[in-house]
PDB file of N, CA and C in Angstrom:
ATOM      1  N   MET A   1       0.829  -1.117  -0.028  1.00  0.00           N
ATOM      2  CA  MET A   1      -0.048   0.029  -0.033  1.00  0.00           C
ATOM      3  C   MET A   1       0.963   1.200   0.159  1.00  0.00           C
ATOM      4  N   THR A   2       0.520   2.267  -0.826  1.00  0.00           N
ATOM      5  CA  THR A   2       1.420   3.432  -0.905  1.00  0.00           C
ATOM      6  C   THR A   2       1.141   4.277   0.278  1.00  0.00           C
ATOM      7  N   ASN A   3       2.021   5.133   0.501  1.00  0.00           N
ATOM      8  CA  ASN A   3       1.947   6.202   1.525  1.00  0.00           C
ATOM      9  C   ASN A   3       0.706   7.027   1.390  1.00  0.00           C
ATOM     10  N   GLN A   4       0.366   7.434   0.109  1.00  0.00           N
ATOM     11  CA  GLN A   4      -0.778   8.219  -0.253  1.00  0.00           C
ATOM     12  C   GLN A   4      -1.960   7.602   0.136  1.00  0.00           C
ATOM     13  N   ARG A   5      -1.966   6.197  -0.180  1.00  0.00           N
ATOM     14  CA  ARG A   5      -3.303   5.473   0.096  1.00  0.00           C
ATOM     15  C   ARG A   5      -3.365   5.362   1.575  1.00  0.00           C
ATOM     16  N   ARG A   6      -2.341   5.173   2.266  1.00  0.00           N
ATOM     17  CA  ARG A   6      -2.484   5.072   3.775  1.00  0.00           C
ATOM     18  C   ARG A   6      -2.922   6.449   4.370  1.00  0.00           C
ATOM     19  N   ALA A   7      -2.402   7.514   3.795  1.00  0.00           N
ATOM     20  CA  ALA A   7      -2.935   8.828   4.316  1.00  0.00           C
ATOM     21  C   ALA A   7      -4.350   9.116   4.035  1.00  0.00           C
ATOM     22  N   GLU A   8      -4.822   8.630   2.819  1.00  0.00           N
ATOM     23  CA  GLU A   8      -6.293   8.770   2.483  1.00  0.00           C
ATOM     24  C   GLU A   8      -7.149   7.822   3.419  1.00  0.00           C
ATOM     25  N   ARG A   9      -6.672   6.672   3.639  1.00  0.00           N
ATOM     26  CA  ARG A   9      -7.358   5.799   4.593  1.00  0.00           C
ATOM     27  C   ARG A   9      -7.511   6.373   6.002  1.00  0.00           C
ATOM     28  N   ALA A  10      -6.332   6.991   6.487  1.00  0.00           N
ATOM     29  CA  ALA A  10      -6.396   7.660   7.711  1.00  0.00           C
ATOM     30  C   ALA A  10      -7.266   8.666   7.848  1.00  0.00           C
ATOM     31  N   SER A  11      -7.342   9.474   6.762  1.00  0.00           N
ATOM     32  CA  SER A  11      -8.270  10.706   6.811  1.00  0.00           C
ATOM     33  C   SER A  11      -9.695  10.378   6.740  1.00  0.00           C
ATOM     34  N   ARG A  12     -10.069   9.149   6.154  1.00  0.00           N
ATOM     35  CA  ARG A  12     -11.420   8.762   6.109  1.00  0.00           C
ATOM     36  C   ARG A  12     -11.868   7.849   7.169  1.00  0.00           C
ATOM     37  N   SER A  13     -11.063   7.467   8.100  1.00  0.00           N
ATOM     38  CA  SER A  13     -11.315   6.494   9.089  1.00  0.00           C
ATOM     39  C   SER A  13     -12.337   7.005  10.127  1.00  0.00           C
ATOM     40  N   ALA A  14     -13.175   6.117  10.414  1.00  0.00           N
ATOM     41  CA  ALA A  14     -14.218   6.363  11.534  1.00  0.00           C
ATOM     42  C   ALA A  14     -13.536   6.145  12.887  1.00  0.00           C
ATOM     43  N   ARG A  15     -12.502   5.340  12.929  1.00  0.00           N
ATOM     44  CA  ARG A  15     -11.995   5.022  14.188  1.00  0.00           C
ATOM     45  C   ARG A  15     -10.842   5.978  14.415  1.00  0.00           C
ATOM     46  N   TYR A  16     -10.792   6.609  15.649  1.00  0.00           N
ATOM     47  CA  TYR A  16      -9.850   7.526  16.010  1.00  0.00           C
ATOM     48  C   TYR A  16      -9.003   7.082  17.182  1.00  0.00           C
ATOM     49  N   LEU A  17      -7.692   7.183  16.915  1.00  0.00           N
ATOM     50  CA  LEU A  17      -6.643   6.845  17.838  1.00  0.00           C
ATOM     51  C   LEU A  17      -5.885   8.005  18.259  1.00  0.00           C
ATOM     52  N   SER A  18      -5.843   8.581  19.440  1.00  0.00           N
ATOM     53  CA  SER A  18      -5.130   9.705  19.649  1.00  0.00           C
ATOM     54  C   SER A  18      -3.652   9.528  19.634  1.00  0.00           C
ATOM     55  N   GLU A  19      -2.912  10.645  19.494  1.00  0.00           N
ATOM     56  CA  GLU A  19      -1.402  10.555  19.357  1.00  0.00           C
ATOM     57  C   GLU A  19      -0.950  10.081  20.673  1.00  0.00           C
ATOM     58  N   GLU A  20      -1.476  10.544  21.713  1.00  0.00           N
ATOM     59  CA  GLU A  20      -1.009  10.158  23.141  1.00  0.00           C
ATOM     60  C   GLU A  20      -1.247   8.671  23.363  1.00  0.00           C
ATOM     61  N   LYS A  21      -2.352   8.164  22.984  1.00  0.00           N
ATOM     62  CA  LYS A  21      -2.727   6.670  23.222  1.00  0.00           C
ATOM     63  C   LYS A  21      -1.781   5.808  22.248  1.00  0.00           C
ATOM     64  N   PHE A  22      -1.511   6.241  21.056  1.00  0.00           N
ATOM     65  CA  PHE A  22      -0.713   5.584  20.155  1.00  0.00           C
ATOM     66  C   PHE A  22       0.611   5.464  20.581  1.00  0.00           C
ATOM     67  N   GLN A  23       1.238   6.557  21.263  1.00  0.00           N
ATOM     68  CA  GLN A  23       2.571   6.634  21.801  1.00  0.00           C
ATOM     69  C   GLN A  23       2.684   5.760  23.009  1.00  0.00           C
ATOM     70  N   ALA A  24       1.520   5.645  23.869  1.00  0.00           N
ATOM     71  CA  ALA A  24       1.563   4.861  25.090  1.00  0.00           C
ATOM     72  C   ALA A  24       1.436   3.452  24.695  1.00  0.00           C
ATOM     73  N   LEU A  25       0.674   2.982  23.811  1.00  0.00           N
ATOM     74  CA  LEU A  25       0.533   1.682  23.474  1.00  0.00           C
ATOM     75  C   LEU A  25       1.727   1.155  22.821  1.00  0.00           C
ATOM     76  N   THR A  26       2.413   1.954  21.947  1.00  0.00           N
ATOM     77  CA  THR A  26       3.691   1.641  21.330  1.00  0.00           C
ATOM     78  C   THR A  26       4.617   1.286  22.305  1.00  0.00           C
ATOM     79  N   GLY A  27       4.803   2.178  23.346  1.00  0.00           N
ATOM     80  CA  GLY A  27       5.682   2.004  24.443  1.00  0.00           C
ATOM     81  C   GLY A  27       5.477   0.660  25.274  1.00  0.00           C
ATOM     82  N   GLN A  28       4.131   0.387  25.506  1.00  0.00           N
ATOM     83  CA  GLN A  28       3.827  -0.699  26.271  1.00  0.00           C
ATOM     84  C   GLN A  28       4.083  -1.982  25.606  1.00  0.00           C
ATOM     85  N   VAL A  29       3.980  -1.954  24.252  1.00  0.00           N
ATOM     86  CA  VAL A  29       4.325  -3.179  23.450  1.00  0.00           C
ATOM     87  C   VAL A  29       5.770  -3.391  23.511  1.00  0.00           C
ATOM     88  N   GLN A  30       6.581  -2.268  23.213  1.00  0.00           N
ATOM     89  CA  GLN A  30       8.009  -2.525  23.314  1.00  0.00           C
ATOM     90  C   GLN A  30       8.532  -3.009  24.732  1.00  0.00           C
ATOM     91  N   THR A  31       8.039  -2.344  25.714  1.00  0.00           N
ATOM     92  CA  THR A  31       8.252  -2.906  27.044  1.00  0.00           C
ATOM     93  C   THR A  31       7.939  -4.376  27.426  1.00  0.00           C
ATOM     94  N   SER A  32       6.893  -4.782  26.691  1.00  0.00           N
ATOM     95  CA  SER A  32       6.405  -6.142  26.993  1.00  0.00           C
ATOM     96  C   SER A  32       7.342  -7.105  26.353  1.00  0.00           C
ATOM     97  N   TYR A  33       7.938  -6.755  25.075  1.00  0.00           N
ATOM     98  CA  TYR A  33       8.928  -7.514  24.484  1.00  0.00           C
ATOM     99  C   TYR A  33      10.258  -7.527  25.385  1.00  0.00           C
ATOM    100  N   GLU A  34      10.609  -6.343  25.856  1.00  0.00           N
ATOM    101  CA  GLU A  34      11.852  -6.249  26.576  1.00  0.00           C
ATOM    102  C   GLU A  34      11.844  -7.192  27.859  1.00  0.00           C
ATOM    103  N   LYS A  35      10.586  -7.101  28.674  1.00  0.00           N
ATOM    104  CA  LYS A  35      10.389  -7.784  29.804  1.00  0.00           C
ATOM    105  C   LYS A  35      10.465  -9.223  29.583  1.00  0.00           C
ATOM    106  N   LEU A  36       9.623  -9.715  28.599  1.00  0.00           N
ATOM    107  CA  LEU A  36       9.678 -11.157  28.263  1.00  0.00           C
ATOM    108  C   LEU A  36      10.924 -11.629  27.938  1.00  0.00           C
ATOM    109  N   ASP A  37      11.792 -10.933  27.053  1.00  0.00           N
ATOM    110  CA  ASP A  37      13.123 -11.386  26.777  1.00  0.00           C
ATOM    111  C   ASP A  37      14.092 -11.454  27.845  1.00  0.00           C
ATOM    112  N   GLU A  38      13.945 -10.457  28.814  1.00  0.00           N
ATOM    113  CA  GLU A  38      14.722 -10.395  29.925  1.00  0.00           C
ATOM    114  C   GLU A  38      14.482 -11.617  30.827  1.00  0.00           C
ATOM    115  N   LEU A  39      13.151 -11.910  31.002  1.00  0.00           N
ATOM    116  CA  LEU A  39      12.765 -13.030  31.834  1.00  0.00           C
ATOM    117  C   LEU A  39      13.353 -14.352  31.216  1.00  0.00           C
ATOM    118  N   LEU A  40      13.157 -14.404  29.799  1.00  0.00           N
ATOM    119  CA  LEU A  40      13.599 -15.703  29.131  1.00  0.00           C
ATOM    120  C   LEU A  40      15.114 -15.846  29.361  1.00  0.00           C
ATOM    121  N   ALA A  41      15.869 -14.861  29.208  1.00  0.00           N
ATOM    122  CA  ALA A  41      17.252 -14.840  29.282  1.00  0.00           C
ATOM    123  C   ALA A  41      17.646 -15.340  30.767  1.00  0.00           C
ATOM    124  N   HIS A  42      16.968 -14.800  31.743  1.00  0.00           N
ATOM    125  CA  HIS A  42      17.188 -15.050  33.131  1.00  0.00           C
ATOM    126  C   HIS A  42      16.905 -16.577  33.394  1.00  0.00           C
ATOM    127  N   MET A  43      15.732 -17.009  32.897  1.00  0.00           N
ATOM    128  CA  MET A  43      15.454 -18.430  33.038  1.00  0.00           C
ATOM    129  C   MET A  43      16.361 -19.456  32.454  1.00  0.00           C
ATOM    130  N   LEU A  44      16.947 -19.088  31.249  1.00  0.00           N
ATOM    131  CA  LEU A  44      17.838 -19.860  30.552  1.00  0.00           C
ATOM    132  C   LEU A  44      19.254 -19.946  31.408  1.00  0.00           C
ATOM    133  N   ARG A  45      19.602 -18.684  31.888  1.00  0.00           N
ATOM    134  CA  ARG A  45      20.870 -18.734  32.768  1.00  0.00           C
ATOM    135  C   ARG A  45      20.607 -19.568  34.100  1.00  0.00           C
ATOM    136  N   MET A  46      19.507 -19.499  34.626  1.00  0.00           N
ATOM    137  CA  MET A  46      19.173 -20.250  35.849  1.00  0.00           C
ATOM    138  C   MET A  46      19.144 -21.787  35.525  1.00  0.00           C
ATOM    139  N   HIS A  47      18.594 -22.009  34.358  1.00  0.00           N
ATOM    140  CA  HIS A  47      18.555 -23.481  33.911  1.00  0.00           C
ATOM    141  C   HIS A  47      19.916 -23.981  33.820  1.00  0.00           C
ATOM    142  N   ALA A  48      20.846 -23.333  33.241  1.00  0.00           N
ATOM    143  CA  ALA A  48      22.298 -23.736  33.073  1.00  0.00           C
ATOM    144  C   ALA A  48      22.923 -23.776  34.366  1.00  0.00           C
ATOM    145  N   ASP A  49      22.620 -22.939  35.340  1.00  0.00           N
ATOM    146  CA  ASP A  49      23.246 -22.902  36.604  1.00  0.00           C
ATOM    147  C   ASP A  49      22.744 -24.261  37.447  1.00  0.00           C
ATOM    148  N   MET A  50      21.468 -24.476  37.256  1.00  0.00           N
ATOM    149  CA  MET A  50      20.924 -25.729  37.945  1.00  0.00           C
ATOM    150  C   MET A  50      21.608 -26.921  37.380  1.00  0.00           C
ATOM    151  N   ILE A  51      21.719 -27.106  36.080  1.00  0.00           N
ATOM    152  CA  ILE A  51      22.527 -28.234  35.448  1.00  0.00           C
ATOM    153  C   ILE A  51      23.855 -28.358  36.172  1.00  0.00           C
ATOM    154  N   ASP A  52      24.601 -27.197  36.047  1.00  0.00           N
ATOM    155  CA  ASP A  52      26.006 -27.275  36.589  1.00  0.00           C
ATOM    156  C   ASP A  52      26.003 -27.582  38.130  1.00  0.00           C
ATOM    157  N   THR A  53      25.056 -26.928  38.825  1.00  0.00           N
ATOM    158  CA  THR A  53      25.034 -27.324  40.337  1.00  0.00           C
ATOM    159  C   THR A  53      24.726 -28.876  40.578  1.00  0.00           C
ATOM    160  N   ALA A  54      23.683 -29.352  39.805  1.00  0.00           N
ATOM    161  CA  ALA A  54      23.274 -30.734  39.990  1.00  0.00           C
ATOM    162  C   ALA A  54      24.499 -31.715  39.701  1.00  0.00           C
ATOM    163  N   ARG A  55      25.212 -31.359  38.757  1.00  0.00           N
ATOM    164  CA  ARG A  55      26.395 -32.236  38.250  1.00  0.00           C
ATOM    165  C   ARG A  55      27.481 -32.131  39.422  1.00  0.00           C
ATOM    166  N   THR A  56      27.759 -30.936  39.862  1.00  0.00           N
ATOM    167  CA  THR A  56      28.917 -30.778  40.837  1.00  0.00           C
ATOM    168  C   THR A  56      28.432 -31.352  42.212  1.00  0.00           C
ATOM    169  N   ALA A  57      27.132 -31.150  42.478  1.00  0.00           N
ATOM    170  CA  ALA A  57      26.640 -31.729  43.762  1.00  0.00           C
ATOM    171  C   ALA A  57      26.395 -33.241  43.833  1.00  0.00           C
ATOM    172  N   GLY A  58      26.454 -33.822  42.574  1.00  0.00           N
ATOM    173  CA  GLY A  58      26.348 -35.301  42.572  1.00  0.00           C
ATOM    174  C   GLY A  58      24.790 -35.819  42.579  1.00  0.00           C
ATOM    175  N   LEU A  59      23.998 -34.886  42.147  1.00  0.00           N
ATOM    176  CA  LEU A  59      22.438 -35.179  42.076  1.00  0.00           C
ATOM    177  C   LEU A  59      22.234 -36.505  41.190  1.00  0.00           C
ATOM    178  N   GLU A  60      21.407 -37.251  41.673  1.00  0.00           N
ATOM    179  CA  GLU A  60      21.072 -38.578  40.944  1.00  0.00           C
ATOM    180  C   GLU A  60      20.506 -38.170  39.556  1.00  0.00           C
ATOM    181  N   PRO A  61      20.740 -38.979  38.537  1.00  0.00           N
ATOM    182  CA  PRO A  61      20.406 -38.560  37.201  1.00  0.00           C
ATOM    183  C   PRO A  61      18.823 -38.459  37.046  1.00  0.00           C
ATOM    184  N   GLU A  62      18.037 -39.424  37.672  1.00  0.00           N
ATOM    185  CA  GLU A  62      16.695 -39.290  37.676  1.00  0.00           C
ATOM    186  C   GLU A  62      16.030 -38.125  38.361  1.00  0.00           C
ATOM    187  N   LYS A  63      16.605 -37.659  39.454  1.00  0.00           N
ATOM    188  CA  LYS A  63      16.169 -36.392  40.160  1.00  0.00           C
ATOM    189  C   LYS A  63      16.491 -35.186  39.300  1.00  0.00           C
ATOM    190  N   GLY A  64      17.734 -35.220  38.825  1.00  0.00           N
ATOM    191  CA  GLY A  64      18.042 -34.111  37.884  1.00  0.00           C
ATOM    192  C   GLY A  64      17.199 -33.945  36.562  1.00  0.00           C
ATOM    193  N   GLN A  65      16.900 -35.236  36.147  1.00  0.00           N
ATOM    194  CA  GLN A  65      15.933 -35.096  34.860  1.00  0.00           C
ATOM    195  C   GLN A  65      14.604 -34.554  35.213  1.00  0.00           C
ATOM    196  N   LYS A  66      14.100 -34.978  36.374  1.00  0.00           N
ATOM    197  CA  LYS A  66      12.712 -34.418  36.708  1.00  0.00           C
ATOM    198  C   LYS A  66      12.797 -32.889  36.885  1.00  0.00           C
ATOM    199  N   LEU A  67      13.862 -32.323  37.541  1.00  0.00           N
ATOM    200  CA  LEU A  67      14.117 -30.973  37.643  1.00  0.00           C
ATOM    201  C   LEU A  67      14.281 -30.343  36.376  1.00  0.00           C
ATOM    202  N   PHE A  68      15.038 -30.839  35.470  1.00  0.00           N
ATOM    203  CA  PHE A  68      15.318 -30.148  34.251  1.00  0.00           C
ATOM    204  C   PHE A  68      14.068 -30.218  33.409  1.00  0.00           C
ATOM    205  N   ARG A  69      13.311 -31.196  33.385  1.00  0.00           N
ATOM    206  CA  ARG A  69      12.069 -31.397  32.551  1.00  0.00           C
ATOM    207  C   ARG A  69      11.149 -30.103  32.953  1.00  0.00           C
ATOM    208  N   LYS A  70      10.954 -29.953  34.241  1.00  0.00           N
ATOM    209  CA  LYS A  70      10.098 -28.827  34.801  1.00  0.00           C
ATOM    210  C   LYS A  70      10.733 -27.509  34.409  1.00  0.00           C
ATOM    211  N   LEU A  71      11.935 -27.326  34.428  1.00  0.00           N
ATOM    212  CA  LEU A  71      12.530 -26.023  34.091  1.00  0.00           C
ATOM    213  C   LEU A  71      12.404 -25.854  32.557  1.00  0.00           C
ATOM    214  N   ASN A  72      12.570 -26.918  31.745  1.00  0.00           N
ATOM    215  CA  ASN A  72      12.301 -26.765  30.294  1.00  0.00           C
ATOM    216  C   ASN A  72      10.936 -26.407  30.051  1.00  0.00           C
ATOM    217  N   THR A  73       9.979 -26.969  30.696  1.00  0.00           N
ATOM    218  CA  THR A  73       8.573 -26.571  30.463  1.00  0.00           C
ATOM    219  C   THR A  73       8.284 -25.129  30.704  1.00  0.00           C
ATOM    220  N   CYS A  74       8.906 -24.710  31.787  1.00  0.00           N
ATOM    221  CA  CYS A  74       8.754 -23.246  32.143  1.00  0.00           C
ATOM    222  C   CYS A  74       9.357 -22.373  30.989  1.00  0.00           C
ATOM    223  N   VAL A  75      10.551 -22.634  30.527  1.00  0.00           N
ATOM    224  CA  VAL A  75      11.212 -21.908  29.460  1.00  0.00           C
ATOM    225  C   VAL A  75      10.317 -22.018  28.082  1.00  0.00           C
ATOM    226  N   SER A  76       9.808 -23.172  27.817  1.00  0.00           N
ATOM    227  CA  SER A  76       8.990 -23.431  26.690  1.00  0.00           C
ATOM    228  C   SER A  76       7.778 -22.691  26.668  1.00  0.00           C
ATOM    229  N   ASP A  77       7.158 -22.467  27.875  1.00  0.00           N
ATOM    230  CA  ASP A  77       5.916 -21.632  28.099  1.00  0.00           C
ATOM    231  C   ASP A  77       6.245 -20.173  27.888  1.00  0.00           C
ATOM    232  N   LEU A  78       7.354 -19.687  28.209  1.00  0.00           N
ATOM    233  CA  LEU A  78       7.748 -18.387  27.993  1.00  0.00           C
ATOM    234  C   LEU A  78       7.933 -18.046  26.538  1.00  0.00           C
ATOM    235  N   VAL A  79       8.500 -19.012  25.802  1.00  0.00           N
ATOM    236  CA  VAL A  79       8.713 -18.955  24.321  1.00  0.00           C
ATOM    237  C   VAL A  79       7.206 -18.781  23.683  1.00  0.00           C
ATOM    238  N   ILE A  80       6.358 -19.734  24.174  1.00  0.00           N
ATOM    239  CA  ILE A  80       4.967 -19.734  23.660  1.00  0.00           C
ATOM    240  C   ILE A  80       4.405 -18.452  23.779  1.00  0.00           C
ATOM    241  N   SER A  81       4.532 -17.853  25.057  1.00  0.00           N
ATOM    242  CA  SER A  81       3.967 -16.547  25.528  1.00  0.00           C
ATOM    243  C   SER A  81       4.449 -15.440  24.543  1.00  0.00           C
ATOM    244  N   ARG A  82       5.675 -15.535  24.198  1.00  0.00           N
ATOM    245  CA  ARG A  82       6.339 -14.514  23.292  1.00  0.00           C
ATOM    246  C   ARG A  82       5.723 -14.659  21.919  1.00  0.00           C
ATOM    247  N   GLU A  83       5.431 -15.797  21.503  1.00  0.00           N
ATOM    248  CA  GLU A  83       4.835 -15.978  20.185  1.00  0.00           C
ATOM    249  C   GLU A  83       3.393 -15.521  20.278  1.00  0.00           C
ATOM    250  N   ASP A  84       2.716 -15.534  21.336  1.00  0.00           N
ATOM    251  CA  ASP A  84       1.391 -15.077  21.410  1.00  0.00           C
ATOM    252  C   ASP A  84       1.418 -13.612  21.428  1.00  0.00           C
ATOM    253  N   LEU A  85       2.332 -12.915  22.133  1.00  0.00           N
ATOM    254  CA  LEU A  85       2.501 -11.538  21.993  1.00  0.00           C
ATOM    255  C   LEU A  85       2.686 -11.106  20.745  1.00  0.00           C
ATOM    256  N   VAL A  86       3.648 -11.718  19.829  1.00  0.00           N
ATOM    257  CA  VAL A  86       3.885 -11.389  18.452  1.00  0.00           C
ATOM    258  C   VAL A  86       2.515 -11.445  17.695  1.00  0.00           C
ATOM    259  N   GLY A  87       1.722 -12.396  17.951  1.00  0.00           N
ATOM    260  CA  GLY A  87       0.398 -12.446  17.245  1.00  0.00           C
ATOM    261  C   GLY A  87      -0.532 -11.382  17.697  1.00  0.00           C
ATOM    262  N   ALA A  88      -0.549 -11.039  18.922  1.00  0.00           N
ATOM    263  CA  ALA A  88      -1.447 -10.019  19.487  1.00  0.00           C
ATOM    264  C   ALA A  88      -0.938  -8.595  18.798  1.00  0.00           C
ATOM    265  N   HIS A  89       0.351  -8.402  18.796  1.00  0.00           N
ATOM    266  CA  HIS A  89       0.891  -7.357  18.201  1.00  0.00           C
ATOM    267  C   HIS A  89       0.487  -7.107  16.717  1.00  0.00           C
ATOM    268  N   LEU A  90       0.670  -8.248  16.005  1.00  0.00           N
ATOM    269  CA  LEU A  90       0.265  -8.185  14.628  1.00  0.00           C
ATOM    270  C   LEU A  90      -1.146  -7.911  14.383  1.00  0.00           C
ATOM    271  N   GLU A  91      -2.053  -8.318  15.296  1.00  0.00           N
ATOM    272  CA  GLU A  91      -3.513  -8.120  15.187  1.00  0.00           C
ATOM    273  C   GLU A  91      -3.879  -6.703  15.591  1.00  0.00           C
ATOM    274  N   ALA A  92      -3.085  -6.084  16.596  1.00  0.00           N
ATOM    275  CA  ALA A  92      -3.286  -4.777  17.006  1.00  0.00           C
ATOM    276  C   ALA A  92      -2.817  -3.783  15.793  1.00  0.00           C
ATOM    277  N   THR A  93      -1.778  -4.242  15.030  1.00  0.00           N
ATOM    278  CA  THR A  93      -1.320  -3.411  13.974  1.00  0.00           C
ATOM    279  C   THR A  93      -2.320  -3.431  12.858  1.00  0.00           C
ATOM    280  N   ARG A  94      -3.002  -4.589  12.604  1.00  0.00           N
ATOM    281  CA  ARG A  94      -3.985  -4.615  11.698  1.00  0.00           C
ATOM    282  C   ARG A  94      -5.197  -3.661  11.998  1.00  0.00           C
ATOM    283  N   ILE A  95      -5.588  -3.733  13.327  1.00  0.00           N
ATOM    284  CA  ILE A  95      -6.606  -2.737  13.709  1.00  0.00           C
ATOM    285  C   ILE A  95      -6.242  -1.378  13.525  1.00  0.00           C
ATOM    286  N   ARG A  96      -4.986  -1.095  13.955  1.00  0.00           N
ATOM    287  CA  ARG A  96      -4.481   0.401  13.822  1.00  0.00           C
ATOM    288  C   ARG A  96      -4.517   0.888  12.453  1.00  0.00           C
ATOM    289  N   MET A  97      -4.386  -0.108  11.515  1.00  0.00           N
ATOM    290  CA  MET A  97      -4.301   0.337  10.106  1.00  0.00           C
ATOM    291  C   MET A  97      -5.700   0.692   9.610  1.00  0.00           C
ATOM    292  N   ARG A  98      -6.807   0.432  10.401  1.00  0.00           N
ATOM    293  CA  ARG A  98      -8.058   1.019  10.181  1.00  0.00           C
ATOM    294  C   ARG A  98      -8.469   2.210  10.780  1.00  0.00           C
ATOM    295  N   THR A  99      -7.430   2.842  11.485  1.00  0.00           N
ATOM    296  CA  THR A  99      -7.744   4.096  12.207  1.00  0.00           C
ATOM    297  C   THR A  99      -7.036   5.297  11.493  1.00  0.00           C
ATOM    298  N   ASN A 100      -7.150   6.479  12.202  1.00  0.00           N
ATOM    299  CA  ASN A 100      -6.492   7.630  11.753  1.00  0.00           C
ATOM    300  C   ASN A 100      -4.980   7.463  11.704  1.00  0.00           C
ATOM    301  N   GLN A 101      -4.391   6.487  12.397  1.00  0.00           N
ATOM    302  CA  GLN A 101      -3.023   6.338  12.564  1.00  0.00           C
ATOM    303  C   GLN A 101      -2.420   5.412  11.493  1.00  0.00           C
ATOM    304  N   ALA A 102      -3.222   5.077  10.404  1.00  0.00           N
ATOM    305  CA  ALA A 102      -2.835   4.178   9.409  1.00  0.00           C
ATOM    306  C   ALA A 102      -1.576   4.669   8.607  1.00  0.00           C
ATOM    307  N   GLU A 103      -1.385   5.948   8.527  1.00  0.00           N
ATOM    308  CA  GLU A 103      -0.407   6.417   7.587  1.00  0.00           C
ATOM    309  C   GLU A 103       0.964   6.131   8.199  1.00  0.00           C
ATOM    310  N   ARG A 104       1.168   5.633   9.451  1.00  0.00           N
ATOM    311  CA  ARG A 104       2.407   5.291  10.172  1.00  0.00           C
ATOM    312  C   ARG A 104       2.861   3.897   9.788  1.00  0.00           C
ATOM    313  N   ALA A 105       2.395   3.325   8.801  1.00  0.00           N
ATOM    314  CA  ALA A 105       2.706   1.969   8.526  1.00  0.00           C
ATOM    315  C   ALA A 105       4.159   1.675   8.162  1.00  0.00           C
ATOM    316  N   ASP A 106       4.970   2.694   7.645  1.00  0.00           N
ATOM    317  CA  ASP A 106       6.275   2.559   7.326  1.00  0.00           C
ATOM    318  C   ASP A 106       7.208   2.195   8.424  1.00  0.00           C
ATOM    319  N   GLY A 107       6.834   2.539   9.630  1.00  0.00           N
ATOM    320  CA  GLY A 107       7.676   2.354  10.854  1.00  0.00           C
ATOM    321  C   GLY A 107       6.982   2.701  12.038  1.00  0.00           C
ATOM    322  N   CYS A 108       7.719   2.685  13.221  1.00  0.00           N
ATOM    323  CA  CYS A 108       7.051   3.055  14.566  1.00  0.00           C
ATOM    324  C   CYS A 108       7.845   4.075  15.106  1.00  0.00           C
ATOM    325  N   TYR A 109       7.073   5.078  15.708  1.00  0.00           N
ATOM    326  CA  TYR A 109       7.704   6.158  16.375  1.00  0.00           C
ATOM    327  C   TYR A 109       8.410   5.503  17.639  1.00  0.00           C
ATOM    328  N   SER A 110       9.506   6.006  17.965  1.00  0.00           N
ATOM    329  CA  SER A 110      10.110   5.630  19.187  1.00  0.00           C
ATOM    330  C   SER A 110       9.258   5.830  20.339  1.00  0.00           C
ATOM    331  N   PRO A 111       8.956   4.839  21.206  1.00  0.00           N
ATOM    332  CA  PRO A 111       8.161   4.947  22.281  1.00  0.00           C
ATOM    333  C   PRO A 111       8.729   5.911  23.408  1.00  0.00           C
ATOM    334  N   ARG A 112      10.023   5.982  23.463  1.00  0.00           N
ATOM    335  CA  ARG A 112      10.720   6.846  24.615  1.00  0.00           C
ATOM    336  C   ARG A 112      11.690   7.802  23.826  1.00  0.00           C
ATOM    337  N   PRO A 113      11.257   8.762  23.147  1.00  0.00           N
ATOM    338  CA  PRO A 113      12.166   9.579  22.430  1.00  0.00           C
ATOM    339  C   PRO A 113      13.032  10.480  23.285  1.00  0.00           C
ATOM    340  N   LEU A 114      12.642  10.702  24.529  1.00  0.00           N
ATOM    341  CA  LEU A 114      13.510  11.585  25.389  1.00  0.00           C
ATOM    342  C   LEU A 114      14.450  10.811  26.204  1.00  0.00           C
ATOM    343  N   ILE A 115      14.413   9.514  26.125  1.00  0.00           N
ATOM    344  CA  ILE A 115      15.471   8.816  26.832  1.00  0.00           C
ATOM    345  C   ILE A 115      16.833   8.819  26.091  1.00  0.00           C
ATOM    346  N   GLU A 116      17.883   8.992  26.861  1.00  0.00           N
ATOM    347  CA  GLU A 116      19.090   9.044  26.227  1.00  0.00           C
ATOM    348  C   GLU A 116      19.465   7.772  25.381  1.00  0.00           C
ATOM    349  N   GLY A 117      19.894   7.859  24.154  1.00  0.00           N
ATOM    350  CA  GLY A 117      20.141   6.776  23.363  1.00  0.00           C
ATOM    351  C   GLY A 117      19.107   6.393  22.371  1.00  0.00           C
ATOM    352  N   HIS A 118      17.827   6.895  22.576  1.00  0.00           N
ATOM    353  CA  HIS A 118      16.781   6.738  21.550  1.00  0.00           C
ATOM    354  C   HIS A 118      16.644   7.897  20.626  1.00  0.00           C
ATOM    355  N   GLN A 119      16.583   7.649  19.347  1.00  0.00           N
ATOM    356  CA  GLN A 119      16.462   8.613  18.476  1.00  0.00           C
ATOM    357  C   GLN A 119      15.034   9.069  18.236  1.00  0.00           C
ATOM    358  N   ASN A 120      14.832  10.368  17.944  1.00  0.00           N
ATOM    359  CA  ASN A 120      13.518  10.840  17.713  1.00  0.00           C
ATOM    360  C   ASN A 120      13.051  10.445  16.387  1.00  0.00           C
ATOM    361  N   GLY A 121      11.735  10.547  16.149  1.00  0.00           N
ATOM    362  CA  GLY A 121      11.218  10.340  14.748  1.00  0.00           C
ATOM    363  C   GLY A 121      10.945   8.845  14.522  1.00  0.00           C
ATOM    364  N   ILE A 122      10.886   8.514  13.244  1.00  0.00           N
ATOM    365  CA  ILE A 122      10.452   7.136  12.906  1.00  0.00           C
ATOM    366  C   ILE A 122      11.653   6.157  12.989  1.00  0.00           C
ATOM    367  N   ARG A 123      11.340   4.977  13.595  1.00  0.00           N
ATOM    368  CA  ARG A 123      12.351   3.997  13.609  1.00  0.00           C
ATOM    369  C   ARG A 123      11.781   2.757  12.738  1.00  0.00           C
ATOM    370  N   LEU A 124      12.603   2.426  11.792  1.00  0.00           N
ATOM    371  CA  LEU A 124      12.181   1.402  10.775  1.00  0.00           C
ATOM    372  C   LEU A 124      12.179   0.109  11.439  1.00  0.00           C
ATOM    373  N   VAL A 125      11.146  -0.720  11.199  1.00  0.00           N
ATOM    374  CA  VAL A 125      11.145  -2.149  11.845  1.00  0.00           C
ATOM    375  C   VAL A 125      10.931  -3.076  10.697  1.00  0.00           C
ATOM    376  N   GLY A 126      11.461  -4.315  10.848  1.00  0.00           N
ATOM    377  CA  GLY A 126      11.260  -5.290   9.804  1.00  0.00           C
ATOM    378  C   GLY A 126      12.090  -6.423   9.925  1.00  0.00           C
TER     379      GLY A 126
END
């Protein structure tokens, strides 16, 4: 879809999304990815530490296996949760494309432009 068509769609849209709400939601989505990724990395490090500790402590293989299976299930559930977040994000984007904010489809505005290290304006995603 061309930028002109997006702008036309946005100007005719019956659904209104304020600039403030758009920025807030964009920031919340980005924060959700960051927190899930941080938790996943933490769980993977903990999993590795548990394996090392079980080995050095001389834990019986069957007890270690039971522990590792439960930890693996937890990590797998986090990965599934992240996949679900991606799906929800895509659906929210489809909905946004039917609002007055449709013309922003080429990228996302930085959710935190005033934080050091974040550039103002449009950040291309892809």
